[in-house]
Every structure is written in C-alpha cells, then in structure tokens.
C-alpha cells in the first residue's frame, strides 16, 4: 500500500507530461501545415489535352 500511492502519482504525472507534449506536437504540425501548405485554387488541367483531342478528331 505504501508503494501504490506514489506509483499512481508518478503515472498521472507522466500522463500529463505526455499529453502536453502530444498537444504541442499537434499544434506545431498545424502551424507548419498552415505556413507551408496554403489553400490554392487548383490550376485548370486538361485544357491542352482537350484542344489536342479536338484538333486530332477534326482532321
């Protein structure tokens, strides 16, 4: 019984530290994502290919 109390306290302390570290990593990942992967309007793809298909079928 003398060991159960301190062991439980040590476990809870370690869980708090681990949860805070995990939250820090998640926030850091969100910041890095926001900085390096901004939202962009996708470029229109397939325009050159569509013209090429139309020109080859018209011939």
PDB file of N, CA and C in Angstrom:
ATOM      1  N   UNK A   1       0.819  -1.200   0.000  1.00  0.00           N
ATOM      2  CA  UNK A   1       0.000   0.000   0.000  1.00  0.00           C
ATOM      3  C   UNK A   1       0.860   1.260   0.000  1.00  0.00           C
ATOM      4  N   UNK A   2       2.035   1.163   0.585  1.00  0.00           N
ATOM      5  CA  UNK A   2       2.908   2.331   0.643  1.00  0.00           C
ATOM      6  C   UNK A   2       3.469   2.662  -0.738  1.00  0.00           C
ATOM      7  N   UNK A   3       3.464   1.697  -1.620  1.00  0.00           N
ATOM      8  CA  UNK A   3       4.016   1.912  -2.955  1.00  0.00           C
ATOM      9  C   UNK A   3       2.940   2.285  -3.972  1.00  0.00           C
ATOM     10  N   UNK A   4       1.697   1.958  -3.697  1.00  0.00           N
ATOM     11  CA  UNK A   4       0.609   2.195  -4.648  1.00  0.00           C
ATOM     12  C   UNK A   4       0.357   3.689  -4.837  1.00  0.00           C
ATOM     13  N   UNK A   5       0.343   4.461  -3.771  1.00  0.00           N
ATOM     14  CA  UNK A   5       0.082   5.904  -3.864  1.00  0.00           C
ATOM     15  C   UNK A   5       1.112   6.639  -4.694  1.00  0.00           C
ATOM     16  N   UNK A   6       2.412   6.508  -4.377  1.00  0.00           N
ATOM     17  CA  UNK A   6       3.432   7.182  -5.189  1.00  0.00           C
ATOM     18  C   UNK A   6       3.480   6.671  -6.633  1.00  0.00           C
ATOM     19  N   UNK A   7       3.204   5.384  -6.845  1.00  0.00           N
ATOM     20  CA  UNK A   7       3.197   4.849  -8.212  1.00  0.00           C
ATOM     21  C   UNK A   7       2.062   5.471  -9.017  1.00  0.00           C
ATOM     22  N   UNK A   8       0.890   5.620  -8.396  1.00  0.00           N
ATOM     23  CA  UNK A   8      -0.231   6.265  -9.085  1.00  0.00           C
ATOM     24  C   UNK A   8       0.058   7.721  -9.389  1.00  0.00           C
ATOM     25  N   UNK A   9       0.695   8.421  -8.442  1.00  0.00           N
ATOM     26  CA  UNK A   9       1.063   9.819  -8.675  1.00  0.00           C
ATOM     27  C   UNK A   9       2.075   9.947  -9.815  1.00  0.00           C
ATOM     28  N   UNK A  10       3.055   9.056  -9.843  1.00  0.00           N
ATOM     29  CA  UNK A  10       4.059   9.082 -10.909  1.00  0.00           C
ATOM     30  C   UNK A  10       3.421   8.798 -12.263  1.00  0.00           C
ATOM     31  N   UNK A  11       2.477   7.854 -12.293  1.00  0.00           N
ATOM     32  CA  UNK A  11       1.790   7.534 -13.542  1.00  0.00           C
ATOM     33  C   UNK A  11       0.997   8.737 -14.044  1.00  0.00           C
ATOM     34  N   UNK A  12       0.253   9.385 -13.153  1.00  0.00           N
ATOM     35  CA  UNK A  12      -0.540  10.550 -13.561  1.00  0.00           C
ATOM     36  C   UNK A  12       0.347  11.698 -14.024  1.00  0.00           C
ATOM     37  N   UNK A  13       1.464  11.900 -13.343  1.00  0.00           N
ATOM     38  CA  UNK A  13       2.389  12.954 -13.759  1.00  0.00           C
ATOM     39  C   UNK A  13       2.932  12.661 -15.161  1.00  0.00           C
ATOM     40  N   UNK A  14       3.320  11.416 -15.396  1.00  0.00           N
ATOM     41  CA  UNK A  14       3.835  11.042 -16.716  1.00  0.00           C
ATOM     42  C   UNK A  14       2.763  11.192 -17.789  1.00  0.00           C
ATOM     43  N   UNK A  15       1.520  10.868 -17.470  1.00  0.00           N
ATOM     44  CA  UNK A  15       0.434  11.028 -18.442  1.00  0.00           C
ATOM     45  C   UNK A  15       0.200  12.499 -18.763  1.00  0.00           C
ATOM     46  N   UNK A  16       0.290  13.369 -17.762  1.00  0.00           N
ATOM     47  CA  UNK A  16       0.117  14.799 -18.009  1.00  0.00           C
ATOM     48  C   UNK A  16       1.228  15.338 -18.906  1.00  0.00           C
ATOM     49  N   UNK A  17       2.457  14.944 -18.616  1.00  0.00           N
ATOM     50  CA  UNK A  17       3.586  15.394 -19.432  1.00  0.00           C
ATOM     51  C   UNK A  17       3.441  14.886 -20.861  1.00  0.00           C
ATOM     52  N   UNK A  18       3.067  13.630 -21.014  1.00  0.00           N
ATOM     53  CA  UNK A  18       2.898  13.050 -22.346  1.00  0.00           C
ATOM     54  C   UNK A  18       1.769  13.725 -23.111  1.00  0.00           C
ATOM     55  N   UNK A  19       0.666  14.018 -22.440  1.00  0.00           N
ATOM     56  CA  UNK A  19      -0.456  14.688 -23.101  1.00  0.00           C
ATOM     57  C   UNK A  19      -0.066  16.093 -23.536  1.00  0.00           C
ATOM     58  N   UNK A  20       0.670  16.811 -22.701  1.00  0.00           N
ATOM     59  CA  UNK A  20       1.106  18.159 -23.075  1.00  0.00           C
ATOM     60  C   UNK A  20       2.088  18.117 -24.246  1.00  0.00           C
ATOM     61  N   UNK A  21       2.989  17.155 -24.250  1.00  0.00           N
ATOM     62  CA  UNK A  21       3.923  17.017 -25.376  1.00  0.00           C
ATOM     63  C   UNK A  21       3.181  16.673 -26.662  1.00  0.00           C
ATOM     64  N   UNK A  22       2.213  15.790 -26.580  1.00  0.00           N
ATOM     65  CA  UNK A  22       1.414  15.441 -27.759  1.00  0.00           C
ATOM     66  C   UNK A  22       0.626  16.626 -28.278  1.00  0.00           C
ATOM     67  N   UNK A  23       0.069  17.421 -27.376  1.00  0.00           N
ATOM     68  CA  UNK A  23      -0.663  18.616 -27.797  1.00  0.00           C
ATOM     69  C   UNK A  23       0.278  19.618 -28.452  1.00  0.00           C
ATOM     70  N   UNK A  24       1.479  19.744 -27.913  1.00  0.00           N
ATOM     71  CA  UNK A  24       2.465  20.649 -28.515  1.00  0.00           C
ATOM     72  C   UNK A  24       2.857  20.213 -29.914  1.00  0.00           C
ATOM     73  N   UNK A  25       3.049  18.926 -30.109  1.00  0.00           N
ATOM     74  CA  UNK A  25       3.389  18.409 -31.440  1.00  0.00           C
ATOM     75  C   UNK A  25       2.233  18.637 -32.408  1.00  0.00           C
ATOM     76  N   UNK A  26       1.004  18.455 -31.952  1.00  0.00           N
ATOM     77  CA  UNK A  26      -0.161  18.673 -32.815  1.00  0.00           C
ATOM     78  C   UNK A  26      -0.284  20.138 -33.213  1.00  0.00           C
ATOM     79  N   UNK A  27      -0.067  21.044 -32.276  1.00  0.00           N
ATOM     80  CA  UNK A  27      -0.131  22.478 -32.587  1.00  0.00           C
ATOM     81  C   UNK A  27       0.996  22.857 -33.539  1.00  0.00           C
ATOM     82  N   UNK A  28       2.186  22.344 -33.298  1.00  0.00           N
ATOM     83  CA  UNK A  28       3.309  22.624 -34.191  1.00  0.00           C
ATOM     84  C   UNK A  28       3.025  22.103 -35.599  1.00  0.00           C
ATOM     85  N   UNK A  29       2.452  20.926 -35.705  1.00  0.00           N
ATOM     86  CA  UNK A  29       2.092  20.388 -37.018  1.00  0.00           C
ATOM     87  C   UNK A  29       1.052  21.234 -37.718  1.00  0.00           C
ATOM     88  N   UNK A  30       0.085  21.755 -36.971  1.00  0.00           N
ATOM     89  CA  UNK A  30      -0.935  22.618 -37.572  1.00  0.00           C
ATOM     90  C   UNK A  30      -0.324  23.924 -38.059  1.00  0.00           C
ATOM     91  N   UNK A  31       0.605  24.482 -37.291  1.00  0.00           N
ATOM     92  CA  UNK A  31       1.256  25.735 -37.697  1.00  0.00           C
ATOM     93  C   UNK A  31       2.103  25.512 -38.941  1.00  0.00           C
ATOM     94  N   UNK A  32       2.879  24.444 -38.968  1.00  0.00           N
ATOM     95  CA  UNK A  32       3.717  24.150 -40.138  1.00  0.00           C
ATOM     96  C   UNK A  32       2.845  23.914 -41.362  1.00  0.00           C
ATOM     97  N   UNK A  33       1.746  23.209 -41.194  1.00  0.00           N
ATOM     98  CA  UNK A  33       0.832  22.968 -42.310  1.00  0.00           C
ATOM     99  C   UNK A  33       0.235  24.268 -42.812  1.00  0.00           C
ATOM    100  N   UNK A  34      -0.161  25.144 -41.912  1.00  0.00           N
ATOM    101  CA  UNK A  34      -0.747  26.424 -42.319  1.00  0.00           C
ATOM    102  C   UNK A  34       0.273  27.299 -43.039  1.00  0.00           C
ATOM    103  N   UNK A  35       1.534  27.204 -42.660  1.00  0.00           N
ATOM    104  CA  UNK A  35       2.557  28.033 -43.294  1.00  0.00           C
ATOM    105  C   UNK A  35       2.990  27.505 -44.655  1.00  0.00           C
ATOM    106  N   UNK A  36       3.182  26.210 -44.769  1.00  0.00           N
ATOM    107  CA  UNK A  36       3.771  25.652 -45.980  1.00  0.00           C
ATOM    108  C   UNK A  36       2.768  25.050 -46.955  1.00  0.00           C
ATOM    109  N   UNK A  37       1.533  24.841 -46.550  1.00  0.00           N
ATOM    110  CA  UNK A  37       0.530  24.292 -47.450  1.00  0.00           C
ATOM    111  C   UNK A  37      -0.698  25.201 -47.484  1.00  0.00           C
ATOM    112  N   UNK A  38      -0.537  26.405 -48.031  1.00  0.00           N
ATOM    113  CA  UNK A  38      -1.697  27.303 -48.070  1.00  0.00           C
ATOM    114  C   UNK A  38      -2.725  26.810 -49.075  1.00  0.00           C
ATOM    115  N   UNK A  39      -3.961  27.182 -48.858  1.00  0.00           N
ATOM    116  CA  UNK A  39      -5.012  26.808 -49.797  1.00  0.00           C
ATOM    117  C   UNK A  39      -4.823  27.546 -51.111  1.00  0.00           C
ATOM    118  N   UNK A  40      -4.920  26.842 -52.180  1.00  0.00           N
ATOM    119  CA  UNK A  40      -4.752  27.447 -53.503  1.00  0.00           C
ATOM    120  C   UNK A  40      -5.889  27.000 -54.399  1.00  0.00           C
ATOM    121  N   UNK A  41      -6.206  27.836 -55.356  1.00  0.00           N
ATOM    122  CA  UNK A  41      -7.175  27.450 -56.366  1.00  0.00           C
ATOM    123  C   UNK A  41      -6.456  26.511 -57.328  1.00  0.00           C
ATOM    124  N   UNK A  42      -6.977  25.316 -57.528  1.00  0.00           N
ATOM    125  CA  UNK A  42      -6.288  24.383 -58.420  1.00  0.00           C
ATOM    126  C   UNK A  42      -6.259  24.910 -59.850  1.00  0.00           C
ATOM    127  N   UNK A  43      -5.131  24.735 -60.492  1.00  0.00           N
ATOM    128  CA  UNK A  43      -4.987  25.156 -61.879  1.00  0.00           C
ATOM    129  C   UNK A  43      -5.860  24.278 -62.766  1.00  0.00           C
ATOM    130  N   UNK A  44      -6.417  24.893 -63.783  1.00  0.00           N
ATOM    131  CA  UNK A  44      -7.250  24.132 -64.715  1.00  0.00           C
ATOM    132  C   UNK A  44      -6.350  23.177 -65.483  1.00  0.00           C
ATOM    133  N   UNK A  45      -6.645  21.906 -65.363  1.00  0.00           N
ATOM    134  CA  UNK A  45      -5.838  20.905 -66.052  1.00  0.00           C
ATOM    135  C   UNK A  45      -6.644  20.334 -67.210  1.00  0.00           C
ATOM    136  N   UNK A  46      -5.943  19.888 -68.191  1.00  0.00           N
ATOM    137  CA  UNK A  46      -6.602  19.217 -69.286  1.00  0.00           C
ATOM    138  C   UNK A  46      -6.963  20.125 -70.443  1.00  0.00           C
ATOM    139  N   UNK A  47      -6.686  21.424 -70.357  1.00  0.00           N
ATOM    140  CA  UNK A  47      -7.033  22.311 -71.462  1.00  0.00           C
ATOM    141  C   UNK A  47      -6.230  21.975 -72.713  1.00  0.00           C
ATOM    142  N   UNK A  48      -4.925  21.799 -72.563  1.00  0.00           N
ATOM    143  CA  UNK A  48      -4.087  21.491 -73.721  1.00  0.00           C
ATOM    144  C   UNK A  48      -4.465  20.135 -74.302  1.00  0.00           C
ATOM    145  N   UNK A  49      -4.785  19.206 -73.452  1.00  0.00           N
ATOM    146  CA  UNK A  49      -5.150  17.877 -73.935  1.00  0.00           C
ATOM    147  C   UNK A  49      -6.497  17.916 -74.652  1.00  0.00           C
ATOM    148  N   UNK A  50      -7.431  18.721 -74.152  1.00  0.00           N
ATOM    149  CA  UNK A  50      -8.727  18.814 -74.807  1.00  0.00           C
ATOM    150  C   UNK A  50      -8.594  19.418 -76.200  1.00  0.00           C
ATOM    151  N   UNK A  51      -7.784  20.480 -76.331  1.00  0.00           N
ATOM    152  CA  UNK A  51      -7.581  21.082 -77.650  1.00  0.00           C
ATOM    153  C   UNK A  51      -6.903  20.097 -78.586  1.00  0.00           C
ATOM    154  N   UNK A  52      -5.969  19.339 -78.061  1.00  0.00           N
ATOM    155  CA  UNK A  52      -5.275  18.355 -78.874  1.00  0.00           C
ATOM    156  C   UNK A  52      -6.244  17.281 -79.353  1.00  0.00           C
ATOM    157  N   UNK A  53      -7.144  16.843 -78.508  1.00  0.00           N
ATOM    158  CA  UNK A  53      -8.111  15.834 -78.908  1.00  0.00           C
ATOM    159  C   UNK A  53      -9.073  16.383 -79.952  1.00  0.00           C
ATOM    160  N   UNK A  54      -9.495  17.621 -79.769  1.00  0.00           N
ATOM    161  CA  UNK A  54     -10.418  18.218 -80.739  1.00  0.00           C
ATOM    162  C   UNK A  54      -9.730  18.385 -82.076  1.00  0.00           C
ATOM    163  N   UNK A  55      -8.472  18.846 -82.068  1.00  0.00           N
ATOM    164  CA  UNK A  55      -7.783  19.060 -83.337  1.00  0.00           C
ATOM    165  C   UNK A  55      -7.490  17.735 -84.036  1.00  0.00           C
ATOM    166  N   UNK A  56      -7.236  16.673 -83.323  1.00  0.00           N
ATOM    167  CA  UNK A  56      -6.949  15.405 -83.985  1.00  0.00           C
ATOM    168  C   UNK A  56      -8.224  14.753 -84.509  1.00  0.00           C
ATOM    169  N   UNK A  57      -9.353  14.975 -83.851  1.00  0.00           N
ATOM    170  CA  UNK A  57     -10.579  14.373 -84.348  1.00  0.00           C
ATOM    171  C   UNK A  57     -11.181  15.176 -85.488  1.00  0.00           C
ATOM    172  N   UNK A  58     -10.848  16.483 -85.582  1.00  0.00           N
ATOM    173  CA  UNK A  58     -11.371  17.298 -86.680  1.00  0.00           C
ATOM    174  C   UNK A  58     -10.645  17.021 -87.982  1.00  0.00           C
ATOM    175  N   UNK A  59      -9.460  16.462 -87.936  1.00  0.00           N
ATOM    176  CA  UNK A  59      -8.680  16.263 -89.164  1.00  0.00           C
ATOM    177  C   UNK A  59      -9.200  15.155 -89.982  1.00  0.00           C
TER     178      UNK A  59
END
